[in-house]
Amino acid sequence: MTAQTDTPGTVTAVYKVSGMSCGHCEGSVSGEISEIAAVSSVKAVASTGEVTVVSTEPLDEEAVRAAVDEAGFELVGKA
């Protein structure tokens, strides 16, 4: 599990998501995670299955899991 503080007031976490295969998948996952309070940016990469989330505070993993589920994919866990 990795979570690191980049700059004061931000936390970066990398999650593994299974099932992403294209840019549309990346957009769906990014869009759902972006709706979580405190999230400032999301970058999903289908080829690696990694989703990098920058937020103002550590996120509840269940909230991230619910967002990924809503997008139609499965959160494997933190990378």
Foldseek 3Di string as FASTA:
>chain_A
DDWDADDQQKIKFKWAWPDQDDPVLQVLLQVLVCPDPFWDGWGADRVRRMIITMGRDDDDVVSSQVSNVVSPIGTPTTD
